[in-house]
Amino acid sequence: MRMASPLRGQRGFSLAELLVACAVIAFVMAGLLLMLQTGQESYLIGSNQVEAQQNVRLAIDRMIGEIRNAGYCPTCTGVTPPFTAITSQTSSSFTLQNDWNGNGSIASSGTVTDGSGATRGEQIAYTLSSGALRRQETGVDTAAVALASGINSLSFTYQDSAGTTTTATANIRTIVITVKTQPSGAGASSQQGKVYVEMTDSVRLRNR
């Protein structure tokens, strides 16, 4: 008695069907991969933008605060201060001055004691060097201290009371700060997630 094979009635897949199935799977996987890459790129751009902003914002805020108070002179009420608030200004650096001890002059070396008993330098220099914003307070810092790195460009524009660009030190009333930066850890060779952040602030000198 011959027994029928249990596989005889089962039908397999043809080569054409297999090729079609593989093509459909490849198409779906390509779409999923594209979605994954797009999502990863968006995440990297967002996180790098936040990092770039945080990297420079604290430094810029500190500089803005000191610019606003530049030209402090406790003994100059009602009279023209005998010193300029901003000096040695260029497109990438400047020095601000304050008469902390109220003697009517600026100490270009060493420190003084202000009215609250704090030790201060009467000159503070800000400059862009090797992609970093640096600050040096006379008599306090032995060398310039980097406040923020990863800066591509930084420029200072000086304006008078009418908002006109000026090169006259005594006429400076406003400083416009324009900075372009990127994450400090961004690789130069990879373009994935690369982002640049540009910020502009206009700072009015309160003591002038």
C-alpha atoms as a PDB file:
ATOM      1  CA  MET A   1       0.000   0.000   0.000  1.00  0.00           C
ATOM      2  CA  ARG A   2       1.547   3.364  -1.107  1.00  0.00           C
ATOM      3  CA  MET A   3       1.273   6.257   1.300  1.00  0.00           C
ATOM      4  CA  ALA A   4       0.755   9.757  -0.121  1.00  0.00           C
ATOM      5  CA  SER A   5       3.418  12.288   0.811  1.00  0.00           C
ATOM      6  CA  PRO A   6       2.000  14.995   3.115  1.00  0.00           C
ATOM      7  CA  LEU A   7       3.961  17.680   1.216  1.00  0.00           C
ATOM      8  CA  ARG A   8       2.631  16.809  -2.200  1.00  0.00           C
ATOM      9  CA  GLY A   9      -0.368  19.144  -1.970  1.00  0.00           C
ATOM     10  CA  GLN A  10       1.667  22.164  -0.600  1.00  0.00           C
ATOM     11  CA  ARG A  11       2.672  24.859  -3.034  1.00  0.00           C
ATOM     12  CA  GLY A  12       5.925  26.895  -2.592  1.00  0.00           C
ATOM     13  CA  PHE A  13       6.880  30.430  -3.689  1.00  0.00           C
ATOM     14  CA  SER A  14       8.084  31.122  -7.152  1.00  0.00           C
ATOM     15  CA  LEU A  15      11.269  33.097  -7.786  1.00  0.00           C
ATOM     16  CA  ALA A  16       9.240  36.034  -9.084  1.00  0.00           C
ATOM     17  CA  GLU A  17       7.192  36.164  -5.887  1.00  0.00           C
ATOM     18  CA  LEU A  18      10.328  36.096  -3.749  1.00  0.00           C
ATOM     19  CA  LEU A  19      11.853  38.937  -5.740  1.00  0.00           C
ATOM     20  CA  VAL A  20       8.699  41.035  -5.356  1.00  0.00           C
ATOM     21  CA  ALA A  21       8.586  40.379  -1.606  1.00  0.00           C
ATOM     22  CA  CYS A  22      12.257  41.340  -1.240  1.00  0.00           C
ATOM     23  CA  ALA A  23      11.685  44.531  -3.228  1.00  0.00           C
ATOM     24  CA  VAL A  24       8.734  45.521  -1.023  1.00  0.00           C
ATOM     25  CA  ILE A  25      10.715  44.843   2.172  1.00  0.00           C
ATOM     26  CA  ALA A  26      13.674  46.827   0.865  1.00  0.00           C
ATOM     27  CA  PHE A  27      11.393  49.751  -0.015  1.00  0.00           C
ATOM     28  CA  VAL A  28       9.830  49.757   3.475  1.00  0.00           C
ATOM     29  CA  MET A  29      13.215  49.484   5.215  1.00  0.00           C
ATOM     30  CA  ALA A  30      14.610  52.347   3.110  1.00  0.00           C
ATOM     31  CA  GLY A  31      11.704  54.543   4.208  1.00  0.00           C
ATOM     32  CA  LEU A  32      12.226  53.626   7.859  1.00  0.00           C
ATOM     33  CA  LEU A  33      15.961  54.333   7.574  1.00  0.00           C
ATOM     34  CA  LEU A  34      15.272  57.733   6.032  1.00  0.00           C
ATOM     35  CA  MET A  35      12.860  58.579   8.852  1.00  0.00           C
ATOM     36  CA  LEU A  36      15.440  57.499  11.430  1.00  0.00           C
ATOM     37  CA  GLN A  37      18.183  59.600   9.834  1.00  0.00           C
ATOM     38  CA  THR A  38      15.907  62.648   9.591  1.00  0.00           C
ATOM     39  CA  GLY A  39      14.892  62.315  13.239  1.00  0.00           C
ATOM     40  CA  GLN A  40      18.506  61.930  14.354  1.00  0.00           C
ATOM     41  CA  GLU A  41      19.569  64.968  12.308  1.00  0.00           C
ATOM     42  CA  SER A  42      16.764  67.068  13.826  1.00  0.00           C
ATOM     43  CA  TYR A  43      17.753  65.972  17.324  1.00  0.00           C
ATOM     44  CA  LEU A  44      21.421  66.792  16.750  1.00  0.00           C
ATOM     45  CA  ILE A  45      20.594  70.222  15.300  1.00  0.00           C
ATOM     46  CA  GLY A  46      18.334  71.051  18.244  1.00  0.00           C
ATOM     47  CA  SER A  47      20.763  69.881  20.934  1.00  0.00           C
ATOM     48  CA  ASN A  48      23.735  71.567  19.228  1.00  0.00           C
ATOM     49  CA  GLN A  49      21.814  74.827  18.909  1.00  0.00           C
ATOM     50  CA  VAL A  50      20.980  74.795  22.626  1.00  0.00           C
ATOM     51  CA  GLU A  51      24.610  73.987  23.485  1.00  0.00           C
ATOM     52  CA  ALA A  52      25.915  76.786  21.271  1.00  0.00           C
ATOM     53  CA  GLN A  53      23.527  79.312  22.821  1.00  0.00           C
ATOM     54  CA  GLN A  54      24.318  78.247  26.378  1.00  0.00           C
ATOM     55  CA  ASN A  55      28.035  78.214  25.619  1.00  0.00           C
ATOM     56  CA  VAL A  56      28.135  81.908  24.803  1.00  0.00           C
ATOM     57  CA  ARG A  57      25.032  83.383  26.486  1.00  0.00           C
ATOM     58  CA  LEU A  58      26.404  83.431  30.035  1.00  0.00           C
ATOM     59  CA  ALA A  59      29.616  85.093  28.846  1.00  0.00           C
ATOM     60  CA  ILE A  60      27.726  87.681  26.779  1.00  0.00           C
ATOM     61  CA  ASP A  61      25.369  88.418  29.686  1.00  0.00           C
ATOM     62  CA  ARG A  62      28.320  89.051  31.983  1.00  0.00           C
ATOM     63  CA  MET A  63      29.940  91.344  29.445  1.00  0.00           C
ATOM     64  CA  ILE A  64      26.666  93.231  28.907  1.00  0.00           C
ATOM     65  CA  GLY A  65      26.278  93.802  32.636  1.00  0.00           C
ATOM     66  CA  GLU A  66      29.783  95.244  32.907  1.00  0.00           C
ATOM     67  CA  ILE A  67      29.347  97.433  29.816  1.00  0.00           C
ATOM     68  CA  ARG A  68      26.171  98.932  31.268  1.00  0.00           C
ATOM     69  CA  ASN A  69      28.016  99.905  34.435  1.00  0.00           C
ATOM     70  CA  ALA A  70      31.166 101.115  32.666  1.00  0.00           C
ATOM     71  CA  GLY A  71      32.233 104.650  33.548  1.00  0.00           C
ATOM     72  CA  TYR A  72      31.188 104.424  37.194  1.00  0.00           C
ATOM     73  CA  CYS A  73      32.410 107.486  39.081  1.00  0.00           C
ATOM     74  CA  PRO A  74      30.973 108.058  42.595  1.00  0.00           C
ATOM     75  CA  THR A  75      32.553 111.513  42.924  1.00  0.00           C
ATOM     76  CA  CYS A  76      31.466 112.816  39.514  1.00  0.00           C
ATOM     77  CA  THR A  77      27.840 113.731  40.291  1.00  0.00           C
ATOM     78  CA  GLY A  78      26.824 116.678  38.137  1.00  0.00           C
ATOM     79  CA  VAL A  79      30.216 116.985  36.443  1.00  0.00           C
ATOM     80  CA  THR A  80      31.791 115.360  33.415  1.00  0.00           C
ATOM     81  CA  PRO A  81      33.860 112.305  34.457  1.00  0.00           C
ATOM     82  CA  PRO A  82      37.597 112.875  33.876  1.00  0.00           C
ATOM     83  CA  PHE A  83      37.973 109.512  32.129  1.00  0.00           C
ATOM     84  CA  THR A  84      36.275 107.612  29.302  1.00  0.00           C
ATOM     85  CA  ALA A  85      34.079 104.608  30.002  1.00  0.00           C
ATOM     86  CA  ILE A  86      35.418 102.659  27.002  1.00  0.00           C
ATOM     87  CA  THR A  87      38.953 102.823  25.655  1.00  0.00           C
ATOM     88  CA  SER A  88      41.279 100.903  23.323  1.00  0.00           C
ATOM     89  CA  GLN A  89      38.258  99.869  21.269  1.00  0.00           C
ATOM     90  CA  THR A  90      38.559  97.823  18.070  1.00  0.00           C
ATOM     91  CA  SER A  91      36.120  95.654  16.141  1.00  0.00           C
ATOM     92  CA  SER A  92      37.123  92.638  18.262  1.00  0.00           C
ATOM     93  CA  SER A  93      38.219  94.089  21.601  1.00  0.00           C
ATOM     94  CA  PHE A  94      37.766  96.951  24.044  1.00  0.00           C
ATOM     95  CA  THR A  95      38.648  97.985  27.582  1.00  0.00           C
ATOM     96  CA  LEU A  96      36.081  99.370  29.998  1.00  0.00           C
ATOM     97  CA  GLN A  97      36.951 101.589  32.956  1.00  0.00           C
ATOM     98  CA  ASN A  98      35.451 102.317  36.375  1.00  0.00           C
ATOM     99  CA  ASP A  99      36.626 104.637  39.167  1.00  0.00           C
ATOM    100  CA  TRP A 100      35.812 102.246  41.976  1.00  0.00           C
ATOM    101  CA  ASN A 101      37.625 104.097  44.754  1.00  0.00           C
ATOM    102  CA  GLY A 102      36.354 107.525  43.695  1.00  0.00           C
ATOM    103  CA  ASN A 103      39.709 109.270  43.446  1.00  0.00           C
ATOM    104  CA  GLY A 104      38.909 110.742  40.018  1.00  0.00           C
ATOM    105  CA  SER A 105      41.449 108.688  38.059  1.00  0.00           C
ATOM    106  CA  ILE A 106      41.821 105.177  36.666  1.00  0.00           C
ATOM    107  CA  ALA A 107      44.457 102.795  38.023  1.00  0.00           C
ATOM    108  CA  SER A 108      46.050 101.062  35.042  1.00  0.00           C
ATOM    109  CA  SER A 109      47.776  98.521  37.287  1.00  0.00           C
ATOM    110  CA  GLY A 110      47.103  96.899  40.623  1.00  0.00           C
ATOM    111  CA  THR A 111      43.774  96.901  42.432  1.00  0.00           C
ATOM    112  CA  VAL A 112      41.700  99.342  44.482  1.00  0.00           C
ATOM    113  CA  THR A 113      39.064  98.979  47.182  1.00  0.00           C
ATOM    114  CA  ASP A 114      35.541 100.100  46.364  1.00  0.00           C
ATOM    115  CA  GLY A 115      32.977 101.588  48.727  1.00  0.00           C
ATOM    116  CA  SER A 116      31.796  98.172  49.913  1.00  0.00           C
ATOM    117  CA  GLY A 117      35.322  96.992  50.697  1.00  0.00           C
ATOM    118  CA  ALA A 118      35.691  94.729  47.657  1.00  0.00           C
ATOM    119  CA  THR A 119      38.998  94.486  45.817  1.00  0.00           C
ATOM    120  CA  ARG A 120      38.637  95.440  42.159  1.00  0.00           C
ATOM    121  CA  GLY A 121      40.605  96.279  39.072  1.00  0.00           C
ATOM    122  CA  GLU A 122      39.611  99.559  37.419  1.00  0.00           C
ATOM    123  CA  GLN A 123      40.148  98.298  33.885  1.00  0.00           C
ATOM    124  CA  ILE A 124      38.591  95.207  32.283  1.00  0.00           C
ATOM    125  CA  ALA A 125      39.663  94.114  28.802  1.00  0.00           C
ATOM    126  CA  TYR A 126      37.484  91.964  26.566  1.00  0.00           C
ATOM    127  CA  THR A 127      38.952  90.434  23.429  1.00  0.00           C
ATOM    128  CA  LEU A 128      38.423  87.641  20.914  1.00  0.00           C
ATOM    129  CA  SER A 129      41.416  85.324  20.661  1.00  0.00           C
ATOM    130  CA  SER A 130      41.690  81.875  19.039  1.00  0.00           C
ATOM    131  CA  GLY A 131      37.920  81.463  18.878  1.00  0.00           C
ATOM    132  CA  ALA A 132      37.411  82.339  22.544  1.00  0.00           C
ATOM    133  CA  LEU A 133      35.977  85.394  24.281  1.00  0.00           C
ATOM    134  CA  ARG A 134      38.513  86.392  26.928  1.00  0.00           C
ATOM    135  CA  ARG A 135      38.291  88.739  29.921  1.00  0.00           C
ATOM    136  CA  GLN A 136      41.128  90.194  31.983  1.00  0.00           C
ATOM    137  CA  GLU A 137      40.663  92.438  34.999  1.00  0.00           C
ATOM    138  CA  THR A 138      43.664  94.603  35.863  1.00  0.00           C
ATOM    139  CA  GLY A 139      45.407  93.470  39.030  1.00  0.00           C
ATOM    140  CA  VAL A 140      43.002  90.571  39.525  1.00  0.00           C
ATOM    141  CA  ASP A 141      43.749  88.283  36.578  1.00  0.00           C
ATOM    142  CA  THR A 142      47.366  87.467  35.796  1.00  0.00           C
ATOM    143  CA  ALA A 143      46.272  86.411  32.303  1.00  0.00           C
ATOM    144  CA  ALA A 144      43.151  86.695  30.175  1.00  0.00           C
ATOM    145  CA  VAL A 145      40.471  84.177  31.193  1.00  0.00           C
ATOM    146  CA  ALA A 146      38.416  82.421  28.500  1.00  0.00           C
ATOM    147  CA  LEU A 147      34.692  82.913  29.163  1.00  0.00           C
ATOM    148  CA  ALA A 148      33.357  81.148  26.056  1.00  0.00           C
ATOM    149  CA  SER A 149      34.889  79.076  23.252  1.00  0.00           C
ATOM    150  CA  GLY A 150      33.730  77.848  19.857  1.00  0.00           C
ATOM    151  CA  ILE A 151      33.176  81.396  18.594  1.00  0.00           C
ATOM    152  CA  ASN A 152      33.431  81.773  14.822  1.00  0.00           C
ATOM    153  CA  SER A 153      33.189  85.552  14.738  1.00  0.00           C
ATOM    154  CA  LEU A 154      32.669  88.401  17.175  1.00  0.00           C
ATOM    155  CA  SER A 155      32.396  92.085  16.386  1.00  0.00           C
ATOM    156  CA  PHE A 156      31.819  95.249  18.379  1.00  0.00           C
ATOM    157  CA  THR A 157      30.259  98.354  16.840  1.00  0.00           C
ATOM    158  CA  TYR A 158      30.382 101.628  18.759  1.00  0.00           C
ATOM    159  CA  GLN A 159      27.653 104.269  18.542  1.00  0.00           C
ATOM    160  CA  ASP A 160      27.204 107.784  19.883  1.00  0.00           C
ATOM    161  CA  SER A 161      24.096 109.199  21.600  1.00  0.00           C
ATOM    162  CA  ALA A 162      22.355 109.587  18.221  1.00  0.00           C
ATOM    163  CA  GLY A 163      22.941 105.937  17.280  1.00  0.00           C
ATOM    164  CA  THR A 164      25.590 106.829  14.701  1.00  0.00           C
ATOM    165  CA  THR A 165      28.703 104.686  14.428  1.00  0.00           C
ATOM    166  CA  THR A 166      31.654 106.481  15.996  1.00  0.00           C
ATOM    167  CA  THR A 167      35.368 105.944  16.482  1.00  0.00           C
ATOM    168  CA  ALA A 168      35.733 108.722  19.057  1.00  0.00           C
ATOM    169  CA  THR A 169      36.299 107.136  22.462  1.00  0.00           C
ATOM    170  CA  ALA A 170      34.660 109.976  24.398  1.00  0.00           C
ATOM    171  CA  ASN A 171      31.478 109.765  22.287  1.00  0.00           C
ATOM    172  CA  ILE A 172      30.722 106.078  22.811  1.00  0.00           C
ATOM    173  CA  ARG A 173      27.293 105.593  24.377  1.00  0.00           C
ATOM    174  CA  THR A 174      26.220 102.212  22.969  1.00  0.00           C
ATOM    175  CA  ILE A 175      28.034  99.022  21.985  1.00  0.00           C
ATOM    176  CA  VAL A 176      26.447  96.599  19.515  1.00  0.00           C
ATOM    177  CA  ILE A 177      27.691  93.035  19.983  1.00  0.00           C
ATOM    178  CA  THR A 178      27.360  90.519  17.143  1.00  0.00           C
ATOM    179  CA  VAL A 179      28.554  86.985  17.755  1.00  0.00           C
ATOM    180  CA  LYS A 180      28.409  83.823  15.645  1.00  0.00           C
ATOM    181  CA  THR A 181      29.140  80.578  17.410  1.00  0.00           C
ATOM    182  CA  GLN A 182      28.845  76.803  17.205  1.00  0.00           C
ATOM    183  CA  PRO A 183      29.012  73.975  19.758  1.00  0.00           C
ATOM    184  CA  SER A 184      32.510  73.783  21.213  1.00  0.00           C
ATOM    185  CA  GLY A 185      32.656  70.030  20.529  1.00  0.00           C
ATOM    186  CA  ALA A 186      31.464  70.167  16.901  1.00  0.00           C
ATOM    187  CA  GLY A 187      33.783  68.297  14.551  1.00  0.00           C
ATOM    188  CA  ALA A 188      35.106  70.156  11.548  1.00  0.00           C
ATOM    189  CA  SER A 189      34.985  67.084   9.276  1.00  0.00           C
ATOM    190  CA  SER A 190      31.366  66.039   9.906  1.00  0.00           C
ATOM    191  CA  GLN A 191      28.408  68.067   8.701  1.00  0.00           C
ATOM    192  CA  GLN A 192      25.812  66.002  10.579  1.00  0.00           C
ATOM    193  CA  GLY A 193      23.926  68.196  13.029  1.00  0.00           C
ATOM    194  CA  LYS A 194      26.226  71.145  12.372  1.00  0.00           C
ATOM    195  CA  VAL A 195      24.603  74.408  13.335  1.00  0.00           C
ATOM    196  CA  TYR A 196      25.680  78.014  13.735  1.00  0.00           C
ATOM    197  CA  VAL A 197      23.986  80.471  16.075  1.00  0.00           C
ATOM    198  CA  GLU A 198      24.206  84.227  15.533  1.00  0.00           C
ATOM    199  CA  MET A 199      23.159  86.669  18.249  1.00  0.00           C
ATOM    200  CA  THR A 200      23.129  90.459  18.396  1.00  0.00           C
ATOM    201  CA  ASP A 201      22.793  92.656  21.497  1.00  0.00           C
ATOM    202  CA  SER A 202      22.803  96.429  21.839  1.00  0.00           C
ATOM    203  CA  VAL A 203      24.097  97.720  25.183  1.00  0.00           C
ATOM    204  CA  ARG A 204      23.638 101.277  26.459  1.00  0.00           C
ATOM    205  CA  LEU A 205      26.191 102.706  28.876  1.00  0.00           C
ATOM    206  CA  ARG A 206      24.186 103.894  31.883  1.00  0.00           C
ATOM    207  CA  ASN A 207      26.926 106.114  33.293  1.00  0.00           C
ATOM    208  CA  ARG A 208      27.407 108.171  30.123  1.00  0.00           C
END
